[in-house]
Amino acid sequence: LPVVAQQGWTMLFGSAVLHAASVVRG
């Protein structure tokens, strides 16, 4: 995958994990 596309998906994957952790943290 082109590095720009890979980085974009990586950012969105990471933001999803952060959202989940934010919800757990209340």
mmCIF file of all heavy atoms, coordinates in Angstrom:
data_MODEL
# 
_entry.id   MODEL 
# 
loop_
_atom_site.group_PDB 
_atom_site.id 
_atom_site.type_symbol 
_atom_site.label_atom_id 
_atom_site.label_alt_id 
_atom_site.label_comp_id 
_atom_site.label_asym_id 
_atom_site.label_entity_id 
_atom_site.label_seq_id 
_atom_site.pdbx_PDB_ins_code 
_atom_site.Cartn_x 
_atom_site.Cartn_y 
_atom_site.Cartn_z 
_atom_site.occupancy 
_atom_site.B_iso_or_equiv 
_atom_site.pdbx_formal_charge 
_atom_site.auth_seq_id 
_atom_site.auth_comp_id 
_atom_site.auth_asym_id 
_atom_site.auth_atom_id 
_atom_site.pdbx_PDB_model_num 
ATOM 1   N N   . LEU A 1 1  ? 0.848   -1.188 0.000  1.00 0.00 ? 1  LEU A N   1 
ATOM 2   C CA  . LEU A 1 1  ? 0.000   0.000  0.000  1.00 0.00 ? 1  LEU A CA  1 
ATOM 3   C C   . LEU A 1 1  ? 0.890   1.246  0.000  1.00 0.00 ? 1  LEU A C   1 
ATOM 4   O O   . LEU A 1 1  ? 1.882   1.290  0.727  1.00 0.00 ? 1  LEU A O   1 
ATOM 5   C CB  . LEU A 1 1  ? -0.886  -0.014 1.240  1.00 0.00 ? 1  LEU A CB  1 
ATOM 6   C CG  . LEU A 1 1  ? -2.104  0.913  1.286  1.00 0.00 ? 1  LEU A CG  1 
ATOM 7   C CD1 . LEU A 1 1  ? -3.128  0.502  0.233  1.00 0.00 ? 1  LEU A CD1 1 
ATOM 8   C CD2 . LEU A 1 1  ? -2.732  0.885  2.665  1.00 0.00 ? 1  LEU A CD2 1 
ATOM 9   N N   . PRO A 1 2  ? 0.580   2.266  -0.799 1.00 0.00 ? 2  PRO A N   1 
ATOM 10  C CA  . PRO A 1 2  ? 1.375   3.497  -0.762 1.00 0.00 ? 2  PRO A CA  1 
ATOM 11  C C   . PRO A 1 2  ? 1.457   4.044  0.658  1.00 0.00 ? 2  PRO A C   1 
ATOM 12  O O   . PRO A 1 2  ? 0.492   3.978  1.421  1.00 0.00 ? 2  PRO A O   1 
ATOM 13  C CB  . PRO A 1 2  ? 0.593   4.447  -1.687 1.00 0.00 ? 2  PRO A CB  1 
ATOM 14  C CG  . PRO A 1 2  ? -0.124  3.547  -2.626 1.00 0.00 ? 2  PRO A CG  1 
ATOM 15  C CD  . PRO A 1 2  ? -0.485  2.325  -1.825 1.00 0.00 ? 2  PRO A CD  1 
ATOM 16  N N   . VAL A 1 3  ? 2.599   4.602  1.015  1.00 0.00 ? 3  VAL A N   1 
ATOM 17  C CA  . VAL A 1 3  ? 2.846   4.999  2.398  1.00 0.00 ? 3  VAL A CA  1 
ATOM 18  C C   . VAL A 1 3  ? 1.847   6.062  2.876  1.00 0.00 ? 3  VAL A C   1 
ATOM 19  O O   . VAL A 1 3  ? 1.453   6.067  4.045  1.00 0.00 ? 3  VAL A O   1 
ATOM 20  C CB  . VAL A 1 3  ? 4.297   5.491  2.564  1.00 0.00 ? 3  VAL A CB  1 
ATOM 21  C CG1 . VAL A 1 3  ? 4.527   6.774  1.787  1.00 0.00 ? 3  VAL A CG1 1 
ATOM 22  C CG2 . VAL A 1 3  ? 4.632   5.684  4.032  1.00 0.00 ? 3  VAL A CG2 1 
ATOM 23  N N   . VAL A 1 4  ? 1.400   6.949  1.971  1.00 0.00 ? 4  VAL A N   1 
ATOM 24  C CA  . VAL A 1 4  ? 0.435   7.974  2.368  1.00 0.00 ? 4  VAL A CA  1 
ATOM 25  C C   . VAL A 1 4  ? -0.888  7.326  2.747  1.00 0.00 ? 4  VAL A C   1 
ATOM 26  O O   . VAL A 1 4  ? -1.498  7.669  3.769  1.00 0.00 ? 4  VAL A O   1 
ATOM 27  C CB  . VAL A 1 4  ? 0.238   8.998  1.234  1.00 0.00 ? 4  VAL A CB  1 
ATOM 28  C CG1 . VAL A 1 4  ? -0.856  9.993  1.594  1.00 0.00 ? 4  VAL A CG1 1 
ATOM 29  C CG2 . VAL A 1 4  ? 1.541   9.727  0.941  1.00 0.00 ? 4  VAL A CG2 1 
ATOM 30  N N   . ALA A 1 5  ? -1.332  6.376  1.935  1.00 0.00 ? 5  ALA A N   1 
ATOM 31  C CA  . ALA A 1 5  ? -2.587  5.677  2.238  1.00 0.00 ? 5  ALA A CA  1 
ATOM 32  C C   . ALA A 1 5  ? -2.455  4.864  3.517  1.00 0.00 ? 5  ALA A C   1 
ATOM 33  O O   . ALA A 1 5  ? -3.359  4.853  4.359  1.00 0.00 ? 5  ALA A O   1 
ATOM 34  C CB  . ALA A 1 5  ? -2.972  4.769  1.070  1.00 0.00 ? 5  ALA A CB  1 
ATOM 35  N N   . GLN A 1 6  ? -1.325  4.187  3.679  1.00 0.00 ? 6  GLN A N   1 
ATOM 36  C CA  . GLN A 1 6  ? -1.117  3.403  4.893  1.00 0.00 ? 6  GLN A CA  1 
ATOM 37  C C   . GLN A 1 6  ? -1.150  4.286  6.125  1.00 0.00 ? 6  GLN A C   1 
ATOM 38  O O   . GLN A 1 6  ? -1.747  3.927  7.149  1.00 0.00 ? 6  GLN A O   1 
ATOM 39  C CB  . GLN A 1 6  ? 0.224   2.662  4.817  1.00 0.00 ? 6  GLN A CB  1 
ATOM 40  C CG  . GLN A 1 6  ? 0.513   1.814  6.052  1.00 0.00 ? 6  GLN A CG  1 
ATOM 41  C CD  . GLN A 1 6  ? 1.805   1.016  5.929  1.00 0.00 ? 6  GLN A CD  1 
ATOM 42  O OE1 . GLN A 1 6  ? 2.184   0.615  4.838  1.00 0.00 ? 6  GLN A OE1 1 
ATOM 43  N NE2 . GLN A 1 6  ? 2.481   0.787  7.043  1.00 0.00 ? 6  GLN A NE2 1 
ATOM 44  N N   . GLN A 1 7  ? -0.545  5.468  6.043  1.00 0.00 ? 7  GLN A N   1 
ATOM 45  C CA  . GLN A 1 7  ? -0.530  6.360  7.192  1.00 0.00 ? 7  GLN A CA  1 
ATOM 46  C C   . GLN A 1 7  ? -1.925  6.896  7.490  1.00 0.00 ? 7  GLN A C   1 
ATOM 47  O O   . GLN A 1 7  ? -2.304  7.053  8.656  1.00 0.00 ? 7  GLN A O   1 
ATOM 48  C CB  . GLN A 1 7  ? 0.437   7.519  6.938  1.00 0.00 ? 7  GLN A CB  1 
ATOM 49  C CG  . GLN A 1 7  ? 0.671   8.392  8.143  1.00 0.00 ? 7  GLN A CG  1 
ATOM 50  C CD  . GLN A 1 7  ? 1.346   7.659  9.293  1.00 0.00 ? 7  GLN A CD  1 
ATOM 51  O OE1 . GLN A 1 7  ? 2.011   6.649  9.070  1.00 0.00 ? 7  GLN A OE1 1 
ATOM 52  N NE2 . GLN A 1 7  ? 1.180   8.137  10.506 1.00 0.00 ? 7  GLN A NE2 1 
ATOM 53  N N   . GLY A 1 8  ? -2.713  7.174  6.446  1.00 0.00 ? 8  GLY A N   1 
ATOM 54  C CA  . GLY A 1 8  ? -4.075  7.633  6.659  1.00 0.00 ? 8  GLY A CA  1 
ATOM 55  C C   . GLY A 1 8  ? -4.923  6.594  7.373  1.00 0.00 ? 8  GLY A C   1 
ATOM 56  O O   . GLY A 1 8  ? -5.646  6.912  8.338  1.00 0.00 ? 8  GLY A O   1 
ATOM 57  N N   . TRP A 1 9  ? -4.837  5.347  6.940  1.00 0.00 ? 9  TRP A N   1 
ATOM 58  C CA  . TRP A 1 9  ? -5.578  4.268  7.603  1.00 0.00 ? 9  TRP A CA  1 
ATOM 59  C C   . TRP A 1 9  ? -5.056  4.040  9.025  1.00 0.00 ? 9  TRP A C   1 
ATOM 60  O O   . TRP A 1 9  ? -5.825  3.748  9.941  1.00 0.00 ? 9  TRP A O   1 
ATOM 61  C CB  . TRP A 1 9  ? -5.474  2.975  6.795  1.00 0.00 ? 9  TRP A CB  1 
ATOM 62  C CG  . TRP A 1 9  ? -6.326  2.967  5.569  1.00 0.00 ? 9  TRP A CG  1 
ATOM 63  C CD1 . TRP A 1 9  ? -5.911  3.042  4.270  1.00 0.00 ? 9  TRP A CD1 1 
ATOM 64  C CD2 . TRP A 1 9  ? -7.754  2.899  5.522  1.00 0.00 ? 9  TRP A CD2 1 
ATOM 65  N NE1 . TRP A 1 9  ? -6.983  3.021  3.426  1.00 0.00 ? 9  TRP A NE1 1 
ATOM 66  C CE2 . TRP A 1 9  ? -8.129  2.921  4.166  1.00 0.00 ? 9  TRP A CE2 1 
ATOM 67  C CE3 . TRP A 1 9  ? -8.753  2.814  6.500  1.00 0.00 ? 9  TRP A CE3 1 
ATOM 68  C CZ2 . TRP A 1 9  ? -9.465  2.869  3.745  1.00 0.00 ? 9  TRP A CZ2 1 
ATOM 69  C CZ3 . TRP A 1 9  ? -10.089 2.758  6.093  1.00 0.00 ? 9  TRP A CZ3 1 
ATOM 70  C CH2 . TRP A 1 9  ? -10.436 2.788  4.736  1.00 0.00 ? 9  TRP A CH2 1 
ATOM 71  N N   . THR A 1 10 ? -3.737  4.179  9.212  1.00 0.00 ? 10 THR A N   1 
ATOM 72  C CA  . THR A 1 10 ? -3.159  4.025  10.547 1.00 0.00 ? 10 THR A CA  1 
ATOM 73  C C   . THR A 1 10 ? -3.714  5.083  11.502 1.00 0.00 ? 10 THR A C   1 
ATOM 74  O O   . THR A 1 10 ? -4.045  4.785  12.658 1.00 0.00 ? 10 THR A O   1 
ATOM 75  C CB  . THR A 1 10 ? -1.629  4.137  10.478 1.00 0.00 ? 10 THR A CB  1 
ATOM 76  O OG1 . THR A 1 10 ? -1.118  3.066  9.666  1.00 0.00 ? 10 THR A OG1 1 
ATOM 77  C CG2 . THR A 1 10 ? -1.001  4.030  11.862 1.00 0.00 ? 10 THR A CG2 1 
ATOM 78  N N   . MET A 1 11 ? -3.817  6.318  11.028 1.00 0.00 ? 11 MET A N   1 
ATOM 79  C CA  . MET A 1 11 ? -4.379  7.383  11.851 1.00 0.00 ? 11 MET A CA  1 
ATOM 80  C C   . MET A 1 11 ? -5.816  7.076  12.248 1.00 0.00 ? 11 MET A C   1 
ATOM 81  O O   . MET A 1 11 ? -6.205  7.236  13.416 1.00 0.00 ? 11 MET A O   1 
ATOM 82  C CB  . MET A 1 11 ? -4.322  8.713  11.094 1.00 0.00 ? 11 MET A CB  1 
ATOM 83  C CG  . MET A 1 11 ? -2.937  9.295  10.934 1.00 0.00 ? 11 MET A CG  1 
ATOM 84  S SD  . MET A 1 11 ? -2.999  10.839 9.968  1.00 0.00 ? 11 MET A SD  1 
ATOM 85  C CE  . MET A 1 11 ? -1.274  11.342 10.028 1.00 0.00 ? 11 MET A CE  1 
ATOM 86  N N   . LEU A 1 12 ? -6.621  6.618  11.290 1.00 0.00 ? 12 LEU A N   1 
ATOM 87  C CA  . LEU A 1 12 ? -8.029  6.334  11.582 1.00 0.00 ? 12 LEU A CA  1 
ATOM 88  C C   . LEU A 1 12 ? -8.174  5.127  12.502 1.00 0.00 ? 12 LEU A C   1 
ATOM 89  O O   . LEU A 1 12 ? -9.045  5.102  13.377 1.00 0.00 ? 12 LEU A O   1 
ATOM 90  C CB  . LEU A 1 12 ? -8.798  6.124  10.278 1.00 0.00 ? 12 LEU A CB  1 
ATOM 91  C CG  . LEU A 1 12 ? -8.967  7.373  9.415  1.00 0.00 ? 12 LEU A CG  1 
ATOM 92  C CD1 . LEU A 1 12 ? -9.720  7.039  8.134  1.00 0.00 ? 12 LEU A CD1 1 
ATOM 93  C CD2 . LEU A 1 12 ? -9.697  8.462  10.181 1.00 0.00 ? 12 LEU A CD2 1 
ATOM 94  N N   . PHE A 1 13 ? -7.333  4.111  12.310 1.00 0.00 ? 13 PHE A N   1 
ATOM 95  C CA  . PHE A 1 13 ? -7.364  2.947  13.202 1.00 0.00 ? 13 PHE A CA  1 
ATOM 96  C C   . PHE A 1 13 ? -7.009  3.382  14.621 1.00 0.00 ? 13 PHE A C   1 
ATOM 97  O O   . PHE A 1 13 ? -7.667  3.000  15.601 1.00 0.00 ? 13 PHE A O   1 
ATOM 98  C CB  . PHE A 1 13 ? -6.382  1.878  12.709 1.00 0.00 ? 13 PHE A CB  1 
ATOM 99  C CG  . PHE A 1 13 ? -6.549  0.542  13.381 1.00 0.00 ? 13 PHE A CG  1 
ATOM 100 C CD1 . PHE A 1 13 ? -7.227  -0.489 12.744 1.00 0.00 ? 13 PHE A CD1 1 
ATOM 101 C CD2 . PHE A 1 13 ? -6.027  0.305  14.649 1.00 0.00 ? 13 PHE A CD2 1 
ATOM 102 C CE1 . PHE A 1 13 ? -7.394  -1.729 13.362 1.00 0.00 ? 13 PHE A CE1 1 
ATOM 103 C CE2 . PHE A 1 13 ? -6.186  -0.922 15.281 1.00 0.00 ? 13 PHE A CE2 1 
ATOM 104 C CZ  . PHE A 1 13 ? -6.867  -1.945 14.629 1.00 0.00 ? 13 PHE A CZ  1 
ATOM 105 N N   . GLY A 1 14 ? -5.952  4.200  14.733 1.00 0.00 ? 14 GLY A N   1 
ATOM 106 C CA  . GLY A 1 14 ? -5.543  4.681  16.049 1.00 0.00 ? 14 GLY A CA  1 
ATOM 107 C C   . GLY A 1 14 ? -6.592  5.560  16.702 1.00 0.00 ? 14 GLY A C   1 
ATOM 108 O O   . GLY A 1 14 ? -6.830  5.466  17.912 1.00 0.00 ? 14 GLY A O   1 
ATOM 109 N N   . SER A 1 15 ? -7.260  6.400  15.924 1.00 0.00 ? 15 SER A N   1 
ATOM 110 C CA  . SER A 1 15 ? -8.296  7.261  16.490 1.00 0.00 ? 15 SER A CA  1 
ATOM 111 C C   . SER A 1 15 ? -9.475  6.435  16.988 1.00 0.00 ? 15 SER A C   1 
ATOM 112 O O   . SER A 1 15 ? -10.086 6.777  18.010 1.00 0.00 ? 15 SER A O   1 
ATOM 113 C CB  . SER A 1 15 ? -8.771  8.290  15.461 1.00 0.00 ? 15 SER A CB  1 
ATOM 114 O OG  . SER A 1 15 ? -9.545  7.702  14.433 1.00 0.00 ? 15 SER A OG  1 
ATOM 115 N N   . ALA A 1 16 ? -9.787  5.333  16.300 1.00 0.00 ? 16 ALA A N   1 
ATOM 116 C CA  . ALA A 1 16 ? -10.869 4.452  16.769 1.00 0.00 ? 16 ALA A CA  1 
ATOM 117 C C   . ALA A 1 16 ? -10.517 3.840  18.120 1.00 0.00 ? 16 ALA A C   1 
ATOM 118 O O   . ALA A 1 16 ? -11.371 3.752  19.020 1.00 0.00 ? 16 ALA A O   1 
ATOM 119 C CB  . ALA A 1 16 ? -11.132 3.359  15.736 1.00 0.00 ? 16 ALA A CB  1 
ATOM 120 N N   . VAL A 1 17 ? -9.261  3.420  18.283 1.00 0.00 ? 17 VAL A N   1 
ATOM 121 C CA  . VAL A 1 17 ? -8.811  2.872  19.574 1.00 0.00 ? 17 VAL A CA  1 
ATOM 122 C C   . VAL A 1 17 ? -8.884  3.942  20.652 1.00 0.00 ? 17 VAL A C   1 
ATOM 123 O O   . VAL A 1 17 ? -9.317  3.681  21.783 1.00 0.00 ? 17 VAL A O   1 
ATOM 124 C CB  . VAL A 1 17 ? -7.379  2.314  19.450 1.00 0.00 ? 17 VAL A CB  1 
ATOM 125 C CG1 . VAL A 1 17 ? -6.868  1.837  20.810 1.00 0.00 ? 17 VAL A CG1 1 
ATOM 126 C CG2 . VAL A 1 17 ? -7.335  1.168  18.441 1.00 0.00 ? 17 VAL A CG2 1 
ATOM 127 N N   . LEU A 1 18 ? -8.486  5.153  20.324 1.00 0.00 ? 18 LEU A N   1 
ATOM 128 C CA  . LEU A 1 18 ? -8.533  6.256  21.283 1.00 0.00 ? 18 LEU A CA  1 
ATOM 129 C C   . LEU A 1 18 ? -9.971  6.584  21.687 1.00 0.00 ? 18 LEU A C   1 
ATOM 130 O O   . LEU A 1 18 ? -10.254 6.864  22.858 1.00 0.00 ? 18 LEU A O   1 
ATOM 131 C CB  . LEU A 1 18 ? -7.861  7.497  20.700 1.00 0.00 ? 18 LEU A CB  1 
ATOM 132 C CG  . LEU A 1 18 ? -6.326  7.474  20.659 1.00 0.00 ? 18 LEU A CG  1 
ATOM 133 C CD1 . LEU A 1 18 ? -5.789  8.571  19.753 1.00 0.00 ? 18 LEU A CD1 1 
ATOM 134 C CD2 . LEU A 1 18 ? -5.751  7.608  22.060 1.00 0.00 ? 18 LEU A CD2 1 
ATOM 135 N N   . HIS A 1 19 ? -10.887 6.554  20.722 1.00 0.00 ? 19 HIS A N   1 
ATOM 136 C CA  . HIS A 1 19 ? -12.299 6.798  21.040 1.00 0.00 ? 19 HIS A CA  1 
ATOM 137 C C   . HIS A 1 19 ? -12.818 5.736  22.013 1.00 0.00 ? 19 HIS A C   1 
ATOM 138 O O   . HIS A 1 19 ? -13.531 6.059  22.971 1.00 0.00 ? 19 HIS A O   1 
ATOM 139 C CB  . HIS A 1 19 ? -13.143 6.795  19.770 1.00 0.00 ? 19 HIS A CB  1 
ATOM 140 C CG  . HIS A 1 19 ? -13.193 8.113  19.073 1.00 0.00 ? 19 HIS A CG  1 
ATOM 141 N ND1 . HIS A 1 19 ? -13.752 9.234  19.642 1.00 0.00 ? 19 HIS A ND1 1 
ATOM 142 C CD2 . HIS A 1 19 ? -12.748 8.490  17.838 1.00 0.00 ? 19 HIS A CD2 1 
ATOM 143 C CE1 . HIS A 1 19 ? -13.660 10.247 18.789 1.00 0.00 ? 19 HIS A CE1 1 
ATOM 144 N NE2 . HIS A 1 19 ? -13.048 9.828  17.698 1.00 0.00 ? 19 HIS A NE2 1 
ATOM 145 N N   . ALA A 1 20 ? -12.461 4.476  21.750 1.00 0.00 ? 20 ALA A N   1 
ATOM 146 C CA  . ALA A 1 20 ? -12.905 3.385  22.631 1.00 0.00 ? 20 ALA A CA  1 
ATOM 147 C C   . ALA A 1 20 ? -12.346 3.582  24.042 1.00 0.00 ? 20 ALA A C   1 
ATOM 148 O O   . ALA A 1 20 ? -13.064 3.433  25.042 1.00 0.00 ? 20 ALA A O   1 
ATOM 149 C CB  . ALA A 1 20 ? -12.464 2.039  22.062 1.00 0.00 ? 20 ALA A CB  1 
ATOM 150 N N   . ALA A 1 21 ? -11.068 3.939  24.130 1.00 0.00 ? 21 ALA A N   1 
ATOM 151 C CA  . ALA A 1 21 ? -10.455 4.165  25.443 1.00 0.00 ? 21 ALA A CA  1 
ATOM 152 C C   . ALA A 1 21 ? -11.076 5.371  26.141 1.00 0.00 ? 21 ALA A C   1 
ATOM 153 O O   . ALA A 1 21 ? -11.259 5.367  27.366 1.00 0.00 ? 21 ALA A O   1 
ATOM 154 C CB  . ALA A 1 21 ? -8.947  4.383  25.279 1.00 0.00 ? 21 ALA A CB  1 
ATOM 155 N N   . SER A 1 22 ? -11.443 6.389  25.364 1.00 0.00 ? 22 SER A N   1 
ATOM 156 C CA  . SER A 1 22 ? -12.094 7.563  25.938 1.00 0.00 ? 22 SER A CA  1 
ATOM 157 C C   . SER A 1 22 ? -13.451 7.213  26.539 1.00 0.00 ? 22 SER A C   1 
ATOM 158 O O   . SER A 1 22 ? -13.810 7.703  27.620 1.00 0.00 ? 22 SER A O   1 
ATOM 159 C CB  . SER A 1 22 ? -12.257 8.650  24.864 1.00 0.00 ? 22 SER A CB  1 
ATOM 160 O OG  . SER A 1 22 ? -12.946 9.773  25.359 1.00 0.00 ? 22 SER A OG  1 
ATOM 161 N N   . VAL A 1 23 ? -14.192 6.364  25.845 1.00 0.00 ? 23 VAL A N   1 
ATOM 162 C CA  . VAL A 1 23 ? -15.498 5.929  26.356 1.00 0.00 ? 23 VAL A CA  1 
ATOM 163 C C   . VAL A 1 23 ? -15.325 5.123  27.634 1.00 0.00 ? 23 VAL A C   1 
ATOM 164 O O   . VAL A 1 23 ? -16.041 5.326  28.627 1.00 0.00 ? 23 VAL A O   1 
ATOM 165 C CB  . VAL A 1 23 ? -16.247 5.106  25.284 1.00 0.00 ? 23 VAL A CB  1 
ATOM 166 C CG1 . VAL A 1 23 ? -17.492 4.454  25.887 1.00 0.00 ? 23 VAL A CG1 1 
ATOM 167 C CG2 . VAL A 1 23 ? -16.629 5.986  24.099 1.00 0.00 ? 23 VAL A CG2 1 
ATOM 168 N N   . VAL A 1 24 ? -14.360 4.207  27.632 1.00 0.00 ? 24 VAL A N   1 
ATOM 169 C CA  . VAL A 1 24 ? -14.107 3.390  28.826 1.00 0.00 ? 24 VAL A CA  1 
ATOM 170 C C   . VAL A 1 24 ? -13.714 4.281  29.997 1.00 0.00 ? 24 VAL A C   1 
ATOM 171 O O   . VAL A 1 24 ? -14.118 4.043  31.143 1.00 0.00 ? 24 VAL A O   1 
ATOM 172 C CB  . VAL A 1 24 ? -12.999 2.352  28.534 1.00 0.00 ? 24 VAL A CB  1 
ATOM 173 C CG1 . VAL A 1 24 ? -12.571 1.658  29.826 1.00 0.00 ? 24 VAL A CG1 1 
ATOM 174 C CG2 . VAL A 1 24 ? -13.488 1.328  27.515 1.00 0.00 ? 24 VAL A CG2 1 
ATOM 175 N N   . ARG A 1 25 ? -12.959 5.303  29.716 1.00 0.00 ? 25 ARG A N   1 
ATOM 176 C CA  . ARG A 1 25 ? -12.513 6.226  30.764 1.00 0.00 ? 25 ARG A CA  1 
ATOM 177 C C   . ARG A 1 25 ? -13.631 7.178  31.218 1.00 0.00 ? 25 ARG A C   1 
ATOM 178 O O   . ARG A 1 25 ? -13.492 7.875  32.216 1.00 0.00 ? 25 ARG A O   1 
ATOM 179 C CB  . ARG A 1 25 ? -11.313 7.018  30.238 1.00 0.00 ? 25 ARG A CB  1 
ATOM 180 C CG  . ARG A 1 25 ? -10.477 7.695  31.304 1.00 0.00 ? 25 ARG A CG  1 
ATOM 181 C CD  . ARG A 1 25 ? -9.149  8.153  30.736 1.00 0.00 ? 25 ARG A CD  1 
ATOM 182 N NE  . ARG A 1 25 ? -8.355  8.819  31.772 1.00 0.00 ? 25 ARG A NE  1 
ATOM 183 C CZ  . ARG A 1 25 ? -8.269  10.143 31.916 1.00 0.00 ? 25 ARG A CZ  1 
ATOM 184 N NH1 . ARG A 1 25 ? -8.910  10.937 31.087 1.00 0.00 ? 25 ARG A NH1 1 
ATOM 185 N NH2 . ARG A 1 25 ? -7.540  10.662 32.880 1.00 0.00 ? 25 ARG A NH2 1 
ATOM 186 N N   . GLY A 1 26 ? -14.726 7.223  30.471 1.00 0.00 ? 26 GLY A N   1 
ATOM 187 C CA  . GLY A 1 26 ? -15.844 8.077  30.844 1.00 0.00 ? 26 GLY A CA  1 
ATOM 188 C C   . GLY A 1 26 ? -15.640 9.549  30.543 1.00 0.00 ? 26 GLY A C   1 
ATOM 189 O O   . GLY A 1 26 ? -16.162 10.417 31.253 1.00 0.00 ? 26 GLY A O   1 
# 
